[in-house]
Amino acid sequence: MINEVGQGVFSNAFSIESAKEGDLLFCFKGDSILVHGSEDSPTLPLYGELTPLCHHIFYMDGRGCYISEEMIAAPEGYYYTNAPALARNHSDRKTAFAVITAHQLSKWENSRAFCGRCGAKTKRSNIERAMVCPKCGLIEYPKICPAIITAVSHDGKLLMARNRHGTRFSLIAGFVEIGETFEETVKREVMEEVGLKVKNVRYFKNQPWGFSDTQMIGFTAELDGDEIPFTLQESEIAEAAWFSPEDVPLPASDISIASELIWDFLTRHGIERKNNT
């Protein structure tokens, strides 16, 4: 998964230290990020090469990581590229995770530039990762939305569905609603999207997914009862099907918890994991 960079490599410890030469610098222009080097494996700028006004966001490999507070033009040898695409495709997992997490924080900071209660301009907190309203005192923390994703199985087959706006089959997923446990969300989402009841809902693992400000909580589950025709949620789901292990569409990459769940199902049914996913 994209967040698997090694124990102790990533640290979100809060700091107000100023950037020093050699620290990683993240310069965003909307969804684009400033880089240099080859387009196949671009490199992030270091503080010292560029010296914009910036503030600390986290540590990676013991090195401070900073977001530029200035929207700067690309100097000679640098260029802007799409940040989510870079994170999905970069060969180095640490760079990929750093980029998407920094992008997540950049979007949050920009969306909280003004207080949602009184409209005053907010300031960054000096004691924690938060935006604070100096007028009414409202404190806003980074946006993190819990969501579930589940691998539902029955008689050795895996349930997969295709979103109306996508081309690939994947697993059932959805956001947690007010008043729900994660397990209740699993049951509700499967019922809403394909009209099936599930049982034996078991926790698998979880993953921060900065692409959508989400914390993805993975589960496995089993069909409760006999196999019946799907009742699709037409506003979201184009089609659904039960796939035997040999026919399961393989994940395009290994950066997501969806790929972990799919390969968990496949390896339990004797399908060897591919090295290129």
C-alpha atoms as a PDB file:
ATOM      1  CA  MET A   1       0.000   0.000   0.000  1.00  0.00           C
ATOM      2  CA  ILE A   2       1.125   3.553  -0.626  1.00  0.00           C
ATOM      3  CA  ASN A   3       1.585   4.242   3.097  1.00  0.00           C
ATOM      4  CA  GLU A   4       3.875   1.248   3.683  1.00  0.00           C
ATOM      5  CA  VAL A   5       7.193   3.105   3.771  1.00  0.00           C
ATOM      6  CA  GLY A   6       8.759   1.248   6.694  1.00  0.00           C
ATOM      7  CA  GLN A   7       8.565   1.497  10.467  1.00  0.00           C
ATOM      8  CA  GLY A   8       9.633   4.914  11.730  1.00  0.00           C
ATOM      9  CA  VAL A   9      10.220   6.395   8.273  1.00  0.00           C
ATOM     10  CA  PHE A  10       7.186   8.705   8.267  1.00  0.00           C
ATOM     11  CA  SER A  11       6.456  10.849  11.312  1.00  0.00           C
ATOM     12  CA  ASN A  12       3.586  13.313  11.610  1.00  0.00           C
ATOM     13  CA  ALA A  13       5.032  14.888  14.784  1.00  0.00           C
ATOM     14  CA  PHE A  14       4.056  18.561  14.893  1.00  0.00           C
ATOM     15  CA  SER A  15       6.822  21.162  14.689  1.00  0.00           C
ATOM     16  CA  ILE A  16       7.219  24.905  14.208  1.00  0.00           C
ATOM     17  CA  GLU A  17      10.906  24.642  13.284  1.00  0.00           C
ATOM     18  CA  SER A  18      12.051  26.740  10.345  1.00  0.00           C
ATOM     19  CA  ALA A  19      13.184  24.959   7.195  1.00  0.00           C
ATOM     20  CA  LYS A  20      16.891  24.339   6.794  1.00  0.00           C
ATOM     21  CA  GLU A  21      19.004  23.513   3.786  1.00  0.00           C
ATOM     22  CA  GLY A  22      18.259  20.037   2.465  1.00  0.00           C
ATOM     23  CA  ASP A  23      14.693  19.771   3.800  1.00  0.00           C
ATOM     24  CA  LEU A  24      12.036  18.598   1.321  1.00  0.00           C
ATOM     25  CA  LEU A  25       9.922  21.354  -0.182  1.00  0.00           C
ATOM     26  CA  PHE A  26       6.381  20.938  -1.533  1.00  0.00           C
ATOM     27  CA  CYS A  27       5.214  23.743  -3.824  1.00  0.00           C
ATOM     28  CA  PHE A  28       1.635  23.338  -5.020  1.00  0.00           C
ATOM     29  CA  LYS A  29      -0.400  25.160  -7.617  1.00  0.00           C
ATOM     30  CA  GLY A  30      -3.842  23.636  -7.164  1.00  0.00           C
ATOM     31  CA  ASP A  31      -3.463  19.927  -7.917  1.00  0.00           C
ATOM     32  CA  SER A  32      -0.014  20.424  -9.478  1.00  0.00           C
ATOM     33  CA  ILE A  33       3.324  20.112  -7.681  1.00  0.00           C
ATOM     34  CA  LEU A  34       6.720  21.579  -8.570  1.00  0.00           C
ATOM     35  CA  VAL A  35       9.402  19.000  -9.443  1.00  0.00           C
ATOM     36  CA  HIS A  36      12.552  18.624 -11.517  1.00  0.00           C
ATOM     37  CA  GLY A  37      14.356  15.749 -13.207  1.00  0.00           C
ATOM     38  CA  SER A  38      12.916  13.064 -15.450  1.00  0.00           C
ATOM     39  CA  GLU A  39       9.183  12.765 -16.016  1.00  0.00           C
ATOM     40  CA  ASP A  40       9.366   9.037 -15.242  1.00  0.00           C
ATOM     41  CA  SER A  41      10.795   9.589 -11.755  1.00  0.00           C
ATOM     42  CA  PRO A  42      10.617  13.291 -10.862  1.00  0.00           C
ATOM     43  CA  THR A  43      12.445  14.709  -7.854  1.00  0.00           C
ATOM     44  CA  LEU A  44      11.129  17.099  -5.230  1.00  0.00           C
ATOM     45  CA  PRO A  45      12.992  20.374  -4.696  1.00  0.00           C
ATOM     46  CA  LEU A  46      15.038  20.891  -1.549  1.00  0.00           C
ATOM     47  CA  TYR A  47      15.002  23.942   0.639  1.00  0.00           C
ATOM     48  CA  GLY A  48      18.112  25.900  -0.259  1.00  0.00           C
ATOM     49  CA  GLU A  49      17.626  25.275  -3.965  1.00  0.00           C
ATOM     50  CA  LEU A  50      14.469  27.354  -3.495  1.00  0.00           C
ATOM     51  CA  THR A  51      13.742  29.457  -0.411  1.00  0.00           C
ATOM     52  CA  PRO A  52      10.051  30.440  -0.355  1.00  0.00           C
ATOM     53  CA  LEU A  53       8.189  31.245   2.846  1.00  0.00           C
ATOM     54  CA  CYS A  54       7.100  27.812   4.097  1.00  0.00           C
ATOM     55  CA  HIS A  55       5.987  25.848   7.151  1.00  0.00           C
ATOM     56  CA  HIS A  56       6.592  22.362   8.508  1.00  0.00           C
ATOM     57  CA  ILE A  57       4.106  19.550   7.830  1.00  0.00           C
ATOM     58  CA  PHE A  58       5.807  16.224   8.755  1.00  0.00           C
ATOM     59  CA  TYR A  59       9.050  14.257   8.646  1.00  0.00           C
ATOM     60  CA  MET A  60      10.153  11.634   6.126  1.00  0.00           C
ATOM     61  CA  ASP A  61      13.276   9.592   6.864  1.00  0.00           C
ATOM     62  CA  GLY A  62      14.172  12.087   9.582  1.00  0.00           C
ATOM     63  CA  ARG A  63      14.129  14.979   7.109  1.00  0.00           C
ATOM     64  CA  GLY A  64      11.798  17.923   7.605  1.00  0.00           C
ATOM     65  CA  CYS A  65       9.065  18.385   4.984  1.00  0.00           C
ATOM     66  CA  TYR A  66       7.685  21.855   4.295  1.00  0.00           C
ATOM     67  CA  ILE A  67       4.838  23.373   2.253  1.00  0.00           C
ATOM     68  CA  SER A  68       5.518  26.600   0.409  1.00  0.00           C
ATOM     69  CA  GLU A  69       3.197  29.435   1.372  1.00  0.00           C
ATOM     70  CA  GLU A  70       3.945  31.120  -1.938  1.00  0.00           C
ATOM     71  CA  MET A  71       2.660  30.039  -5.350  1.00  0.00           C
ATOM     72  CA  ILE A  72       5.901  30.358  -7.288  1.00  0.00           C
ATOM     73  CA  ALA A  73       6.576  30.238 -11.007  1.00  0.00           C
ATOM     74  CA  ALA A  74       8.618  27.229 -12.145  1.00  0.00           C
ATOM     75  CA  PRO A  75      12.324  28.226 -12.261  1.00  0.00           C
ATOM     76  CA  GLU A  76      14.528  26.994 -15.075  1.00  0.00           C
ATOM     77  CA  GLY A  77      14.875  23.207 -14.876  1.00  0.00           C
ATOM     78  CA  TYR A  78      11.676  22.799 -12.845  1.00  0.00           C
ATOM     79  CA  TYR A  79       8.125  22.067 -13.961  1.00  0.00           C
ATOM     80  CA  TYR A  80       4.679  21.461 -12.500  1.00  0.00           C
ATOM     81  CA  THR A  81       3.065  18.040 -12.762  1.00  0.00           C
ATOM     82  CA  ASN A  82      -0.184  16.548 -11.460  1.00  0.00           C
ATOM     83  CA  ALA A  83       0.344  15.608  -7.795  1.00  0.00           C
ATOM     84  CA  PRO A  84      -2.172  12.714  -7.517  1.00  0.00           C
ATOM     85  CA  ALA A  85      -0.838  11.158 -10.734  1.00  0.00           C
ATOM     86  CA  LEU A  86       2.745  11.470  -9.469  1.00  0.00           C
ATOM     87  CA  ALA A  87       1.783   9.794  -6.189  1.00  0.00           C
ATOM     88  CA  ARG A  88       0.019   6.932  -7.945  1.00  0.00           C
ATOM     89  CA  ASN A  89       2.857   6.238 -10.381  1.00  0.00           C
ATOM     90  CA  HIS A  90       6.149   7.184  -8.719  1.00  0.00           C
ATOM     91  CA  SER A  91       8.586   4.297  -8.339  1.00  0.00           C
ATOM     92  CA  ASP A  92       9.689   5.394  -4.853  1.00  0.00           C
ATOM     93  CA  ARG A  93       7.041   4.655  -2.218  1.00  0.00           C
ATOM     94  CA  LYS A  94       8.344   7.307   0.205  1.00  0.00           C
ATOM     95  CA  THR A  95       8.129  10.061  -2.406  1.00  0.00           C
ATOM     96  CA  ALA A  96       4.658   8.917  -3.459  1.00  0.00           C
ATOM     97  CA  PHE A  97       3.290   8.873   0.085  1.00  0.00           C
ATOM     98  CA  ALA A  98       4.935  12.199   0.972  1.00  0.00           C
ATOM     99  CA  VAL A  99       3.448  13.891  -2.104  1.00  0.00           C
ATOM    100  CA  ILE A 100      -0.119  12.730  -1.579  1.00  0.00           C
ATOM    101  CA  THR A 101      -0.038  13.468   2.163  1.00  0.00           C
ATOM    102  CA  ALA A 102       1.392  16.947   1.577  1.00  0.00           C
ATOM    103  CA  HIS A 103      -1.246  17.526  -1.119  1.00  0.00           C
ATOM    104  CA  GLN A 104      -3.958  16.464   1.321  1.00  0.00           C
ATOM    105  CA  LEU A 105      -2.702  18.986   3.897  1.00  0.00           C
ATOM    106  CA  SER A 106      -2.356  21.722   1.270  1.00  0.00           C
ATOM    107  CA  LYS A 107      -5.970  21.264   0.134  1.00  0.00           C
ATOM    108  CA  TRP A 108      -7.176  21.312   3.740  1.00  0.00           C
ATOM    109  CA  GLU A 109      -5.250  24.469   4.640  1.00  0.00           C
ATOM    110  CA  ASN A 110      -6.554  26.293   1.561  1.00  0.00           C
ATOM    111  CA  SER A 111     -10.138  25.229   2.263  1.00  0.00           C
ATOM    112  CA  ARG A 112      -9.893  26.525   5.842  1.00  0.00           C
ATOM    113  CA  ALA A 113      -8.397  29.941   5.068  1.00  0.00           C
ATOM    114  CA  PHE A 114     -11.522  31.535   6.558  1.00  0.00           C
ATOM    115  CA  CYS A 115     -13.538  30.557   9.611  1.00  0.00           C
ATOM    116  CA  GLY A 116     -16.641  28.507   8.842  1.00  0.00           C
ATOM    117  CA  ARG A 117     -18.474  30.035  11.797  1.00  0.00           C
ATOM    118  CA  CYS A 118     -17.754  33.775  11.670  1.00  0.00           C
ATOM    119  CA  GLY A 119     -15.895  34.253   8.376  1.00  0.00           C
ATOM    120  CA  ALA A 120     -12.705  35.745   9.861  1.00  0.00           C
ATOM    121  CA  LYS A 121      -9.345  34.858   8.344  1.00  0.00           C
ATOM    122  CA  THR A 122      -7.809  31.881  10.140  1.00  0.00           C
ATOM    123  CA  LYS A 123      -4.245  31.287  11.323  1.00  0.00           C
ATOM    124  CA  ARG A 124      -2.167  28.146  11.719  1.00  0.00           C
ATOM    125  CA  SER A 125      -1.877  26.970  15.315  1.00  0.00           C
ATOM    126  CA  ASN A 126       1.521  27.182  17.022  1.00  0.00           C
ATOM    127  CA  ILE A 127       0.860  24.175  19.235  1.00  0.00           C
ATOM    128  CA  GLU A 128      -0.850  21.577  17.000  1.00  0.00           C
ATOM    129  CA  ARG A 129      -1.782  20.806  13.390  1.00  0.00           C
ATOM    130  CA  ALA A 130      -4.891  22.970  13.209  1.00  0.00           C
ATOM    131  CA  MET A 131      -6.333  26.165  11.755  1.00  0.00           C
ATOM    132  CA  VAL A 132      -7.572  28.578  14.411  1.00  0.00           C
ATOM    133  CA  CYS A 133      -9.961  31.504  14.169  1.00  0.00           C
ATOM    134  CA  PRO A 134      -8.485  34.446  16.123  1.00  0.00           C
ATOM    135  CA  LYS A 135     -11.915  36.071  16.363  1.00  0.00           C
ATOM    136  CA  CYS A 136     -14.277  33.365  17.639  1.00  0.00           C
ATOM    137  CA  GLY A 137     -11.771  30.670  18.639  1.00  0.00           C
ATOM    138  CA  LEU A 138     -13.065  27.911  16.344  1.00  0.00           C
ATOM    139  CA  ILE A 139     -10.416  25.211  15.795  1.00  0.00           C
ATOM    140  CA  GLU A 140     -10.395  23.169  12.578  1.00  0.00           C
ATOM    141  CA  TYR A 141      -8.372  19.950  12.279  1.00  0.00           C
ATOM    142  CA  PRO A 142      -7.347  18.161   9.057  1.00  0.00           C
ATOM    143  CA  LYS A 143     -10.261  16.576   7.237  1.00  0.00           C
ATOM    144  CA  ILE A 144     -10.260  12.795   7.595  1.00  0.00           C
ATOM    145  CA  CYS A 145     -13.321  10.853   6.398  1.00  0.00           C
ATOM    146  CA  PRO A 146     -13.691   7.226   7.562  1.00  0.00           C
ATOM    147  CA  ALA A 147     -14.822   4.778   4.887  1.00  0.00           C
ATOM    148  CA  ILE A 148     -15.066   1.012   4.614  1.00  0.00           C
ATOM    149  CA  ILE A 149     -14.051  -1.328   1.812  1.00  0.00           C
ATOM    150  CA  THR A 150     -14.986  -4.982   1.917  1.00  0.00           C
ATOM    151  CA  ALA A 151     -14.202  -8.232   0.132  1.00  0.00           C
ATOM    152  CA  VAL A 152     -17.448 -10.244   0.140  1.00  0.00           C
ATOM    153  CA  SER A 153     -17.081 -13.937  -0.709  1.00  0.00           C
ATOM    154  CA  HIS A 154     -19.463 -16.832  -1.346  1.00  0.00           C
ATOM    155  CA  ASP A 155     -18.767 -20.412  -2.446  1.00  0.00           C
ATOM    156  CA  GLY A 156     -15.193 -19.549  -3.395  1.00  0.00           C
ATOM    157  CA  LYS A 157     -16.174 -16.473  -5.437  1.00  0.00           C
ATOM    158  CA  LEU A 158     -15.496 -12.782  -4.859  1.00  0.00           C
ATOM    159  CA  LEU A 159     -18.101 -10.029  -5.214  1.00  0.00           C
ATOM    160  CA  MET A 160     -16.940  -7.092  -7.336  1.00  0.00           C
ATOM    161  CA  ALA A 161     -18.761  -4.126  -8.825  1.00  0.00           C
ATOM    162  CA  ARG A 162     -18.108  -1.431 -11.395  1.00  0.00           C
ATOM    163  CA  ASN A 163     -18.913   2.195 -10.625  1.00  0.00           C
ATOM    164  CA  ARG A 164     -21.000   4.093 -13.173  1.00  0.00           C
ATOM    165  CA  HIS A 165     -18.103   6.466 -13.770  1.00  0.00           C
ATOM    166  CA  GLY A 166     -15.342   3.831 -13.923  1.00  0.00           C
ATOM    167  CA  THR A 167     -14.130   1.088 -16.219  1.00  0.00           C
ATOM    168  CA  ARG A 168     -12.653  -1.368 -13.709  1.00  0.00           C
ATOM    169  CA  PHE A 169     -14.322  -3.767 -11.285  1.00  0.00           C
ATOM    170  CA  SER A 170     -13.407  -3.282  -7.633  1.00  0.00           C
ATOM    171  CA  LEU A 171     -14.734  -3.996  -4.159  1.00  0.00           C
ATOM    172  CA  ILE A 172     -17.760  -2.549  -2.391  1.00  0.00           C
ATOM    173  CA  ALA A 173     -16.848   0.628  -0.495  1.00  0.00           C
ATOM    174  CA  GLY A 174     -18.527   3.620   1.085  1.00  0.00           C
ATOM    175  CA  PHE A 175     -18.333   6.324   3.726  1.00  0.00           C
ATOM    176  CA  VAL A 176     -19.292   5.807   7.360  1.00  0.00           C
ATOM    177  CA  GLU A 177     -22.476   7.625   8.359  1.00  0.00           C
ATOM    178  CA  ILE A 178     -23.326   9.298  11.662  1.00  0.00           C
ATOM    179  CA  GLY A 179     -24.165   6.801  14.411  1.00  0.00           C
ATOM    180  CA  GLU A 180     -22.734   3.750  12.625  1.00  0.00           C
ATOM    181  CA  THR A 181     -20.074   1.272  13.585  1.00  0.00           C
ATOM    182  CA  PHE A 182     -17.713   0.232  10.792  1.00  0.00           C
ATOM    183  CA  GLU A 183     -19.345  -3.209  10.692  1.00  0.00           C
ATOM    184  CA  GLU A 184     -22.779  -1.650  10.310  1.00  0.00           C
ATOM    185  CA  THR A 185     -21.446   0.451   7.438  1.00  0.00           C
ATOM    186  CA  VAL A 186     -20.229  -2.704   5.678  1.00  0.00           C
ATOM    187  CA  LYS A 187     -23.675  -4.276   5.911  1.00  0.00           C
ATOM    188  CA  ARG A 188     -25.472  -1.096   4.818  1.00  0.00           C
ATOM    189  CA  GLU A 189     -23.189  -0.386   1.850  1.00  0.00           C
ATOM    190  CA  VAL A 190     -23.432  -3.930   0.479  1.00  0.00           C
ATOM    191  CA  MET A 191     -27.217  -3.845   0.842  1.00  0.00           C
ATOM    192  CA  GLU A 192     -27.492  -0.381  -0.750  1.00  0.00           C
ATOM    193  CA  GLU A 193     -25.154  -1.030  -3.664  1.00  0.00           C
ATOM    194  CA  VAL A 194     -26.064  -4.613  -4.657  1.00  0.00           C
ATOM    195  CA  GLY A 195     -29.033  -5.626  -2.484  1.00  0.00           C
ATOM    196  CA  LEU A 196     -27.318  -8.431  -0.535  1.00  0.00           C
ATOM    197  CA  LYS A 197     -27.058  -9.283   3.158  1.00  0.00           C
ATOM    198  CA  VAL A 198     -23.652 -10.208   4.594  1.00  0.00           C
ATOM    199  CA  LYS A 199     -22.423 -11.904   7.755  1.00  0.00           C
ATOM    200  CA  ASN A 200     -19.143 -12.713   9.513  1.00  0.00           C
ATOM    201  CA  VAL A 201     -17.821  -9.202   9.000  1.00  0.00           C
ATOM    202  CA  ARG A 202     -14.171  -9.239  10.057  1.00  0.00           C
ATOM    203  CA  TYR A 203     -11.580  -6.457  10.245  1.00  0.00           C
ATOM    204  CA  PHE A 204      -8.663  -6.817   7.802  1.00  0.00           C
ATOM    205  CA  LYS A 205      -6.461  -3.686   8.005  1.00  0.00           C
ATOM    206  CA  ASN A 206      -6.718   0.047   7.369  1.00  0.00           C
ATOM    207  CA  GLN A 207      -5.013   2.690   5.262  1.00  0.00           C
ATOM    208  CA  PRO A 208      -4.817   6.484   5.009  1.00  0.00           C
ATOM    209  CA  TRP A 209      -5.935   7.436   1.499  1.00  0.00           C
ATOM    210  CA  GLY A 210      -5.012  11.079   1.011  1.00  0.00           C
ATOM    211  CA  PHE A 211      -6.397  11.174  -2.549  1.00  0.00           C
ATOM    212  CA  SER A 212      -9.870  11.646  -1.057  1.00  0.00           C
ATOM    213  CA  ASP A 213      -9.116  12.713   2.549  1.00  0.00           C
ATOM    214  CA  THR A 214     -10.151   9.219   3.593  1.00  0.00           C
ATOM    215  CA  GLN A 215      -9.158   6.635   6.173  1.00  0.00           C
ATOM    216  CA  MET A 216     -10.041   3.336   4.482  1.00  0.00           C
ATOM    217  CA  ILE A 217     -10.970   0.516   6.873  1.00  0.00           C
ATOM    218  CA  GLY A 218     -10.833  -2.884   5.195  1.00  0.00           C
ATOM    219  CA  PHE A 219     -13.061  -5.863   6.010  1.00  0.00           C
ATOM    220  CA  THR A 220     -13.885  -9.313   4.754  1.00  0.00           C
ATOM    221  CA  ALA A 221     -17.443 -10.648   4.835  1.00  0.00           C
ATOM    222  CA  GLU A 222     -19.552 -13.558   3.591  1.00  0.00           C
ATOM    223  CA  LEU A 223     -22.883 -13.662   1.827  1.00  0.00           C
ATOM    224  CA  ASP A 224     -25.709 -14.232   4.308  1.00  0.00           C
ATOM    225  CA  GLY A 225     -28.057 -16.703   2.653  1.00  0.00           C
ATOM    226  CA  ASP A 226     -28.366 -18.024  -0.871  1.00  0.00           C
ATOM    227  CA  GLU A 227     -27.050 -16.327  -3.985  1.00  0.00           C
ATOM    228  CA  ILE A 228     -29.817 -14.101  -5.377  1.00  0.00           C
ATOM    229  CA  PRO A 229     -30.005 -11.575  -8.251  1.00  0.00           C
ATOM    230  CA  PHE A 230     -28.381  -8.235  -7.584  1.00  0.00           C
ATOM    231  CA  THR A 231     -30.441  -5.134  -6.925  1.00  0.00           C
ATOM    232  CA  LEU A 232     -28.090  -2.400  -8.087  1.00  0.00           C
ATOM    233  CA  GLN A 233     -27.977   1.136  -6.753  1.00  0.00           C
ATOM    234  CA  GLU A 234     -28.296   2.620 -10.219  1.00  0.00           C
ATOM    235  CA  SER A 235     -27.037   6.063  -9.217  1.00  0.00           C
ATOM    236  CA  GLU A 236     -23.640   4.526  -8.359  1.00  0.00           C
ATOM    237  CA  ILE A 237     -23.244   0.956  -9.658  1.00  0.00           C
ATOM    238  CA  ALA A 238     -23.247   0.005 -13.347  1.00  0.00           C
ATOM    239  CA  GLU A 239     -22.813  -3.749 -12.863  1.00  0.00           C
ATOM    240  CA  ALA A 240     -21.806  -6.360 -10.298  1.00  0.00           C
ATOM    241  CA  ALA A 241     -20.711  -9.980 -10.534  1.00  0.00           C
ATOM    242  CA  TRP A 242     -19.330 -12.952  -8.611  1.00  0.00           C
ATOM    243  CA  PHE A 243     -15.834 -13.828  -9.834  1.00  0.00           C
ATOM    244  CA  SER A 244     -14.107 -17.170  -9.444  1.00  0.00           C
ATOM    245  CA  PRO A 245     -10.420 -16.832  -8.414  1.00  0.00           C
ATOM    246  CA  GLU A 246      -9.220 -17.475 -11.977  1.00  0.00           C
ATOM    247  CA  ASP A 247     -11.441 -14.686 -13.366  1.00  0.00           C
ATOM    248  CA  VAL A 248     -10.912 -11.930 -10.769  1.00  0.00           C
ATOM    249  CA  PRO A 249      -9.677  -8.728 -12.489  1.00  0.00           C
ATOM    250  CA  LEU A 250      -6.175  -8.187 -11.105  1.00  0.00           C
ATOM    251  CA  PRO A 251      -5.389  -4.871  -9.375  1.00  0.00           C
ATOM    252  CA  ALA A 252      -3.593  -2.333 -11.535  1.00  0.00           C
ATOM    253  CA  SER A 253      -1.095  -1.583  -8.738  1.00  0.00           C
ATOM    254  CA  ASP A 254      -0.368  -2.445  -5.118  1.00  0.00           C
ATOM    255  CA  ILE A 255      -0.824   1.025  -3.606  1.00  0.00           C
ATOM    256  CA  SER A 256      -4.345   0.540  -2.237  1.00  0.00           C
ATOM    257  CA  ILE A 257      -6.010  -1.552   0.434  1.00  0.00           C
ATOM    258  CA  ALA A 258      -8.355  -2.793  -2.308  1.00  0.00           C
ATOM    259  CA  SER A 259      -5.410  -4.578  -3.920  1.00  0.00           C
ATOM    260  CA  GLU A 260      -4.455  -6.085  -0.539  1.00  0.00           C
ATOM    261  CA  LEU A 261      -7.969  -7.446  -0.032  1.00  0.00           C
ATOM    262  CA  ILE A 262      -8.164  -8.836  -3.566  1.00  0.00           C
ATOM    263  CA  TRP A 263      -4.775 -10.550  -3.293  1.00  0.00           C
ATOM    264  CA  ASP A 264      -5.686 -11.911   0.139  1.00  0.00           C
ATOM    265  CA  PHE A 265      -8.690 -13.608  -1.467  1.00  0.00           C
ATOM    266  CA  LEU A 266      -6.650 -14.867  -4.423  1.00  0.00           C
ATOM    267  CA  THR A 267      -3.744 -16.263  -2.403  1.00  0.00           C
ATOM    268  CA  ARG A 268      -6.176 -18.089  -0.123  1.00  0.00           C
ATOM    269  CA  HIS A 269      -7.482 -19.762  -3.279  1.00  0.00           C
ATOM    270  CA  GLY A 270      -4.099 -20.744  -4.661  1.00  0.00           C
ATOM    271  CA  ILE A 271      -3.444 -17.830  -7.059  1.00  0.00           C
ATOM    272  CA  GLU A 272       0.180 -16.656  -6.851  1.00  0.00           C
ATOM    273  CA  ARG A 273       0.685 -12.939  -6.361  1.00  0.00           C
ATOM    274  CA  LYS A 274       2.203 -11.109  -9.324  1.00  0.00           C
ATOM    275  CA  ASN A 275       5.390  -9.074  -8.771  1.00  0.00           C
ATOM    276  CA  ASN A 276       4.264  -6.163 -10.937  1.00  0.00           C
ATOM    277  CA  THR A 277       1.163  -5.311  -8.889  1.00  0.00           C
END
